[in-house]
Amino acid sequence: MSVLNYLVILPIYAWFMGMEDMKIESVKRFAVLYGVLPFNLLKGIIVALVFVPIYTKTRTWIEQKQANFS
């Protein structure tokens, strides 16, 4: 996601908002390294901490539904 932000999303956002500073490579790199990357890491950890317990509780139910579907 950081690569996509660096190559696509930030340039489009900068163009749309008229942010000339975002066209400078060092500014984009700083925004990705200190804004996007930590957010994505934190979000990934939170999603994993929520998903793993839910999946372990519903695993047998999911397997039963898959067996009935086949």
PDB file of N, CA and C in Angstrom:
ATOM      1  N   MET A   1       0.820  -1.194   0.000  1.00  0.00           N
ATOM      2  CA  MET A   1       0.000   0.000   0.000  1.00  0.00           C
ATOM      3  C   MET A   1       0.865   1.259   0.000  1.00  0.00           C
ATOM      4  N   SER A   2       1.997   1.182   0.645  1.00  0.00           N
ATOM      5  CA  SER A   2       2.884   2.341   0.668  1.00  0.00           C
ATOM      6  C   SER A   2       3.409   2.666  -0.726  1.00  0.00           C
ATOM      7  N   VAL A   3       3.709   1.635  -1.503  1.00  0.00           N
ATOM      8  CA  VAL A   3       4.180   1.850  -2.870  1.00  0.00           C
ATOM      9  C   VAL A   3       3.080   2.495  -3.708  1.00  0.00           C
ATOM     10  N   LEU A   4       1.861   2.013  -3.556  1.00  0.00           N
ATOM     11  CA  LEU A   4       0.729   2.595  -4.276  1.00  0.00           C
ATOM     12  C   LEU A   4       0.518   4.053  -3.858  1.00  0.00           C
ATOM     13  N   ASN A   5       0.639   4.331  -2.584  1.00  0.00           N
ATOM     14  CA  ASN A   5       0.526   5.711  -2.112  1.00  0.00           C
ATOM     15  C   ASN A   5       1.615   6.587  -2.725  1.00  0.00           C
ATOM     16  N   TYR A   6       2.832   6.084  -2.759  1.00  0.00           N
ATOM     17  CA  TYR A   6       3.959   6.857  -3.265  1.00  0.00           C
ATOM     18  C   TYR A   6       3.826   7.141  -4.760  1.00  0.00           C
ATOM     19  N   LEU A   7       3.424   6.132  -5.521  1.00  0.00           N
ATOM     20  CA  LEU A   7       3.412   6.258  -6.978  1.00  0.00           C
ATOM     21  C   LEU A   7       2.110   6.810  -7.547  1.00  0.00           C
ATOM     22  N   VAL A   8       0.979   6.561  -6.894  1.00  0.00           N
ATOM     23  CA  VAL A   8      -0.308   6.905  -7.495  1.00  0.00           C
ATOM     24  C   VAL A   8      -1.115   7.877  -6.638  1.00  0.00           C
ATOM     25  N   ILE A   9      -1.415   7.497  -5.419  1.00  0.00           N
ATOM     26  CA  ILE A   9      -2.382   8.239  -4.615  1.00  0.00           C
ATOM     27  C   ILE A   9      -1.877   9.626  -4.233  1.00  0.00           C
ATOM     28  N   LEU A  10      -0.648   9.733  -3.733  1.00  0.00           N
ATOM     29  CA  LEU A  10      -0.128  11.049  -3.353  1.00  0.00           C
ATOM     30  C   LEU A  10      -0.008  12.003  -4.543  1.00  0.00           C
ATOM     31  N   PRO A  11       0.498  11.567  -5.706  1.00  0.00           N
ATOM     32  CA  PRO A  11       0.519  12.492  -6.846  1.00  0.00           C
ATOM     33  C   PRO A  11      -0.872  12.950  -7.292  1.00  0.00           C
ATOM     34  N   ILE A  12      -1.840  12.052  -7.285  1.00  0.00           N
ATOM     35  CA  ILE A  12      -3.204  12.432  -7.663  1.00  0.00           C
ATOM     36  C   ILE A  12      -3.787  13.397  -6.641  1.00  0.00           C
ATOM     37  N   TYR A  13      -3.571  13.102  -5.359  1.00  0.00           N
ATOM     38  CA  TYR A  13      -4.066  13.984  -4.303  1.00  0.00           C
ATOM     39  C   TYR A  13      -3.409  15.359  -4.405  1.00  0.00           C
ATOM     40  N   ALA A  14      -2.098  15.382  -4.644  1.00  0.00           N
ATOM     41  CA  ALA A  14      -1.380  16.654  -4.756  1.00  0.00           C
ATOM     42  C   ALA A  14      -1.882  17.457  -5.948  1.00  0.00           C
ATOM     43  N   TRP A  15      -2.131  16.798  -7.061  1.00  0.00           N
ATOM     44  CA  TRP A  15      -2.642  17.479  -8.242  1.00  0.00           C
ATOM     45  C   TRP A  15      -4.038  18.043  -7.977  1.00  0.00           C
ATOM     46  N   PHE A  16      -4.896  17.237  -7.350  1.00  0.00           N
ATOM     47  CA  PHE A  16      -6.266  17.649  -7.084  1.00  0.00           C
ATOM     48  C   PHE A  16      -6.327  18.815  -6.104  1.00  0.00           C
ATOM     49  N   MET A  17      -5.469  18.796  -5.083  1.00  0.00           N
ATOM     50  CA  MET A  17      -5.483  19.826  -4.048  1.00  0.00           C
ATOM     51  C   MET A  17      -4.550  20.999  -4.370  1.00  0.00           C
ATOM     52  N   GLY A  18      -3.795  20.903  -5.465  1.00  0.00           N
ATOM     53  CA  GLY A  18      -2.891  21.979  -5.836  1.00  0.00           C
ATOM     54  C   GLY A  18      -1.695  22.110  -4.907  1.00  0.00           C
ATOM     55  N   MET A  19      -1.202  20.988  -4.417  1.00  0.00           N
ATOM     56  CA  MET A  19      -0.071  20.988  -3.487  1.00  0.00           C
ATOM     57  C   MET A  19       1.226  20.788  -4.275  1.00  0.00           C
ATOM     58  N   GLU A  20       1.885  21.874  -4.588  1.00  0.00           N
ATOM     59  CA  GLU A  20       3.112  21.803  -5.380  1.00  0.00           C
ATOM     60  C   GLU A  20       4.251  21.129  -4.608  1.00  0.00           C
ATOM     61  N   ASP A  21       4.273  21.252  -3.283  1.00  0.00           N
ATOM     62  CA  ASP A  21       5.343  20.647  -2.491  1.00  0.00           C
ATOM     63  C   ASP A  21       5.355  19.128  -2.594  1.00  0.00           C
ATOM     64  N   MET A  22       4.202  18.514  -2.807  1.00  0.00           N
ATOM     65  CA  MET A  22       4.118  17.062  -2.858  1.00  0.00           C
ATOM     66  C   MET A  22       4.771  16.494  -4.117  1.00  0.00           C
ATOM     67  N   LYS A  23       5.089  17.329  -5.084  1.00  0.00           N
ATOM     68  CA  LYS A  23       5.765  16.856  -6.292  1.00  0.00           C
ATOM     69  C   LYS A  23       7.250  16.609  -6.044  1.00  0.00           C
ATOM     70  N   ILE A  24       7.782  17.123  -4.961  1.00  0.00           N
ATOM     71  CA  ILE A  24       9.181  16.901  -4.602  1.00  0.00           C
ATOM     72  C   ILE A  24       9.306  15.495  -4.021  1.00  0.00           C
ATOM     73  N   GLU A  25      10.262  14.731  -4.545  1.00  0.00           N
ATOM     74  CA  GLU A  25      10.408  13.321  -4.146  1.00  0.00           C
ATOM     75  C   GLU A  25      10.676  13.156  -2.650  1.00  0.00           C
ATOM     76  N   SER A  26      11.485  14.021  -2.062  1.00  0.00           N
ATOM     77  CA  SER A  26      11.797  13.872  -0.641  1.00  0.00           C
ATOM     78  C   SER A  26      10.562  14.124   0.228  1.00  0.00           C
ATOM     79  N   VAL A  27       9.679  15.004  -0.208  1.00  0.00           N
ATOM     80  CA  VAL A  27       8.445  15.266   0.542  1.00  0.00           C
ATOM     81  C   VAL A  27       7.519  14.060   0.455  1.00  0.00           C
ATOM     82  N   LYS A  28       7.406  13.462  -0.733  1.00  0.00           N
ATOM     83  CA  LYS A  28       6.582  12.258  -0.882  1.00  0.00           C
ATOM     84  C   LYS A  28       7.143  11.121  -0.038  1.00  0.00           C
ATOM     85  N   ARG A  29       8.458  10.944  -0.066  1.00  0.00           N
ATOM     86  CA  ARG A  29       9.089   9.875   0.700  1.00  0.00           C
ATOM     87  C   ARG A  29       8.852  10.079   2.198  1.00  0.00           C
ATOM     88  N   PHE A  30       8.977  11.319   2.673  1.00  0.00           N
ATOM     89  CA  PHE A  30       8.732  11.630   4.078  1.00  0.00           C
ATOM     90  C   PHE A  30       7.279  11.324   4.452  1.00  0.00           C
ATOM     91  N   ALA A  31       6.343  11.706   3.593  1.00  0.00           N
ATOM     92  CA  ALA A  31       4.921  11.469   3.866  1.00  0.00           C
ATOM     93  C   ALA A  31       4.619   9.981   3.949  1.00  0.00           C
ATOM     94  N   VAL A  32       5.231   9.207   3.074  1.00  0.00           N
ATOM     95  CA  VAL A  32       4.984   7.762   3.083  1.00  0.00           C
ATOM     96  C   VAL A  32       5.642   7.108   4.290  1.00  0.00           C
ATOM     97  N   LEU A  33       6.905   7.446   4.551  1.00  0.00           N
ATOM     98  CA  LEU A  33       7.630   6.793   5.644  1.00  0.00           C
ATOM     99  C   LEU A  33       7.093   7.151   7.028  1.00  0.00           C
ATOM    100  N   TYR A  34       6.659   8.394   7.203  1.00  0.00           N
ATOM    101  CA  TYR A  34       6.260   8.824   8.536  1.00  0.00           C
ATOM    102  C   TYR A  34       4.757   9.039   8.698  1.00  0.00           C
ATOM    103  N   GLY A  35       3.998   8.866   7.631  1.00  0.00           N
ATOM    104  CA  GLY A  35       2.552   9.036   7.722  1.00  0.00           C
ATOM    105  C   GLY A  35       1.798   7.785   7.334  1.00  0.00           C
ATOM    106  N   VAL A  36       2.073   7.297   6.141  1.00  0.00           N
ATOM    107  CA  VAL A  36       1.321   6.165   5.593  1.00  0.00           C
ATOM    108  C   VAL A  36       1.785   4.841   6.190  1.00  0.00           C
ATOM    109  N   LEU A  37       3.074   4.604   6.204  1.00  0.00           N
ATOM    110  CA  LEU A  37       3.604   3.320   6.663  1.00  0.00           C
ATOM    111  C   LEU A  37       3.249   3.013   8.123  1.00  0.00           C
ATOM    112  N   PRO A  38       3.458   3.934   9.068  1.00  0.00           N
ATOM    113  CA  PRO A  38       3.064   3.616  10.445  1.00  0.00           C
ATOM    114  C   PRO A  38       1.559   3.366  10.596  1.00  0.00           C
ATOM    115  N   PHE A  39       0.749   4.132   9.868  1.00  0.00           N
ATOM    116  CA  PHE A  39      -0.696   3.921   9.921  1.00  0.00           C
ATOM    117  C   PHE A  39      -1.053   2.530   9.421  1.00  0.00           C
ATOM    118  N   ASN A  40      -0.470   2.119   8.291  1.00  0.00           N
ATOM    119  CA  ASN A  40      -0.778   0.805   7.740  1.00  0.00           C
ATOM    120  C   ASN A  40      -0.305  -0.317   8.656  1.00  0.00           C
ATOM    121  N   LEU A  41       0.858  -0.152   9.285  1.00  0.00           N
ATOM    122  CA  LEU A  41       1.336  -1.167  10.231  1.00  0.00           C
ATOM    123  C   LEU A  41       0.418  -1.282  11.436  1.00  0.00           C
ATOM    124  N   LEU A  42       0.037  -0.154  11.992  1.00  0.00           N
ATOM    125  CA  LEU A  42      -0.861  -0.162  13.143  1.00  0.00           C
ATOM    126  C   LEU A  42      -2.219  -0.758  12.776  1.00  0.00           C
ATOM    127  N   LYS A  43      -2.739  -0.379  11.615  1.00  0.00           N
ATOM    128  CA  LYS A  43      -4.019  -0.915  11.171  1.00  0.00           C
ATOM    129  C   LYS A  43      -3.934  -2.429  10.963  1.00  0.00           C
ATOM    130  N   GLY A  44      -2.838  -2.911  10.395  1.00  0.00           N
ATOM    131  CA  GLY A  44      -2.654  -4.344  10.189  1.00  0.00           C
ATOM    132  C   GLY A  44      -2.611  -5.112  11.498  1.00  0.00           C
ATOM    133  N   ILE A  45      -1.942  -4.559  12.477  1.00  0.00           N
ATOM    134  CA  ILE A  45      -1.860  -5.209  13.789  1.00  0.00           C
ATOM    135  C   ILE A  45      -3.240  -5.260  14.442  1.00  0.00           C
ATOM    136  N   ILE A  46      -3.973  -4.167  14.392  1.00  0.00           N
ATOM    137  CA  ILE A  46      -5.310  -4.121  14.993  1.00  0.00           C
ATOM    138  C   ILE A  46      -6.254  -5.104  14.296  1.00  0.00           C
ATOM    139  N   VAL A  47      -6.227  -5.142  12.973  1.00  0.00           N
ATOM    140  CA  VAL A  47      -7.093  -6.063  12.232  1.00  0.00           C
ATOM    141  C   VAL A  47      -6.743  -7.508  12.583  1.00  0.00           C
ATOM    142  N   ALA A  48      -5.457  -7.821  12.680  1.00  0.00           N
ATOM    143  CA  ALA A  48      -5.049  -9.179  13.039  1.00  0.00           C
ATOM    144  C   ALA A  48      -5.495  -9.534  14.454  1.00  0.00           C
ATOM    145  N   LEU A  49      -5.355  -8.595  15.384  1.00  0.00           N
ATOM    146  CA  LEU A  49      -5.763  -8.864  16.767  1.00  0.00           C
ATOM    147  C   LEU A  49      -7.264  -9.069  16.887  1.00  0.00           C
ATOM    148  N   VAL A  50      -8.042  -8.472  16.012  1.00  0.00           N
ATOM    149  CA  VAL A  50      -9.492  -8.654  16.029  1.00  0.00           C
ATOM    150  C   VAL A  50      -9.885  -9.913  15.265  1.00  0.00           C
ATOM    151  N   PHE A  51      -9.252 -10.151  14.106  1.00  0.00           N
ATOM    152  CA  PHE A  51      -9.659 -11.241  13.233  1.00  0.00           C
ATOM    153  C   PHE A  51      -9.303 -12.621  13.781  1.00  0.00           C
ATOM    154  N   VAL A  52      -8.112 -12.785  14.338  1.00  0.00           N
ATOM    155  CA  VAL A  52      -7.667 -14.114  14.780  1.00  0.00           C
ATOM    156  C   VAL A  52      -8.600 -14.702  15.838  1.00  0.00           C
ATOM    157  N   PRO A  53      -8.974 -14.001  16.898  1.00  0.00           N
ATOM    158  CA  PRO A  53      -9.905 -14.598  17.861  1.00  0.00           C
ATOM    159  C   PRO A  53     -11.283 -14.900  17.256  1.00  0.00           C
ATOM    160  N   ILE A  54     -11.752 -14.025  16.378  1.00  0.00           N
ATOM    161  CA  ILE A  54     -13.047 -14.277  15.734  1.00  0.00           C
ATOM    162  C   ILE A  54     -12.976 -15.523  14.868  1.00  0.00           C
ATOM    163  N   TYR A  55     -11.889 -15.658  14.117  1.00  0.00           N
ATOM    164  CA  TYR A  55     -11.749 -16.826  13.240  1.00  0.00           C
ATOM    165  C   TYR A  55     -11.637 -18.113  14.043  1.00  0.00           C
ATOM    166  N   THR A  56     -10.883 -18.088  15.135  1.00  0.00           N
ATOM    167  CA  THR A  56     -10.750 -19.318  15.917  1.00  0.00           C
ATOM    168  C   THR A  56     -12.082 -19.739  16.531  1.00  0.00           C
ATOM    169  N   LYS A  57     -12.916 -18.768  16.880  1.00  0.00           N
ATOM    170  CA  LYS A  57     -14.233 -19.102  17.440  1.00  0.00           C
ATOM    171  C   LYS A  57     -15.193 -19.627  16.382  1.00  0.00           C
ATOM    172  N   THR A  58     -15.091 -19.133  15.157  1.00  0.00           N
ATOM    173  CA  THR A  58     -16.055 -19.503  14.112  1.00  0.00           C
ATOM    174  C   THR A  58     -15.501 -20.525  13.125  1.00  0.00           C
ATOM    175  N   ARG A  59     -14.311 -21.043  13.367  1.00  0.00           N
ATOM    176  CA  ARG A  59     -13.671 -21.963  12.420  1.00  0.00           C
ATOM    177  C   ARG A  59     -14.501 -23.219  12.169  1.00  0.00           C
ATOM    178  N   THR A  60     -15.009 -23.830  13.209  1.00  0.00           N
ATOM    179  CA  THR A  60     -15.789 -25.061  13.016  1.00  0.00           C
ATOM    180  C   THR A  60     -17.076 -24.771  12.240  1.00  0.00           C
ATOM    181  N   TRP A  61     -17.716 -23.654  12.520  1.00  0.00           N
ATOM    182  CA  TRP A  61     -18.936 -23.281  11.801  1.00  0.00           C
ATOM    183  C   TRP A  61     -18.643 -23.046  10.322  1.00  0.00           C
ATOM    184  N   ILE A  62     -17.537 -22.380  10.032  1.00  0.00           N
ATOM    185  CA  ILE A  62     -17.155 -22.126   8.642  1.00  0.00           C
ATOM    186  C   ILE A  62     -16.871 -23.436   7.920  1.00  0.00           C
ATOM    187  N   GLU A  63     -16.167 -24.346   8.583  1.00  0.00           N
ATOM    188  CA  GLU A  63     -15.862 -25.639   7.971  1.00  0.00           C
ATOM    189  C   GLU A  63     -17.130 -26.448   7.724  1.00  0.00           C
ATOM    190  N   GLN A  64     -18.093 -26.384   8.623  1.00  0.00           N
ATOM    191  CA  GLN A  64     -19.363 -27.079   8.424  1.00  0.00           C
ATOM    192  C   GLN A  64     -20.112 -26.498   7.228  1.00  0.00           C
ATOM    193  N   LYS A  65     -20.141 -25.201   7.098  1.00  0.00           N
ATOM    194  CA  LYS A  65     -20.812 -24.555   5.968  1.00  0.00           C
ATOM    195  C   LYS A  65     -20.139 -24.908   4.652  1.00  0.00           C
ATOM    196  N   GLN A  66     -18.801 -25.013   4.652  1.00  0.00           N
ATOM    197  CA  GLN A  66     -18.089 -25.388   3.448  1.00  0.00           C
ATOM    198  C   GLN A  66     -18.387 -26.834   3.076  1.00  0.00           C
ATOM    199  N   ALA A  67     -18.483 -27.698   4.065  1.00  0.00           N
ATOM    200  CA  ALA A  67     -18.792 -29.108   3.790  1.00  0.00           C
ATOM    201  C   ALA A  67     -20.205 -29.251   3.249  1.00  0.00           C
ATOM    202  N   ASN A  68     -21.155 -28.489   3.764  1.00  0.00           N
ATOM    203  CA  ASN A  68     -22.535 -28.540   3.276  1.00  0.00           C
ATOM    204  C   ASN A  68     -22.662 -27.962   1.879  1.00  0.00           C
ATOM    205  N   PHE A  69     -21.815 -26.995   1.557  1.00  0.00           N
ATOM    206  CA  PHE A  69     -21.876 -26.331   0.259  1.00  0.00           C
ATOM    207  C   PHE A  69     -21.348 -27.229  -0.860  1.00  0.00           C
ATOM    208  N   SER A  70     -20.356 -28.062  -0.556  1.00  0.00           N
ATOM    209  CA  SER A  70     -19.718 -28.899  -1.588  1.00  0.00           C
ATOM    210  C   SER A  70     -20.554 -30.048  -2.020  1.00  0.00           C
TER     211      SER A  70
END
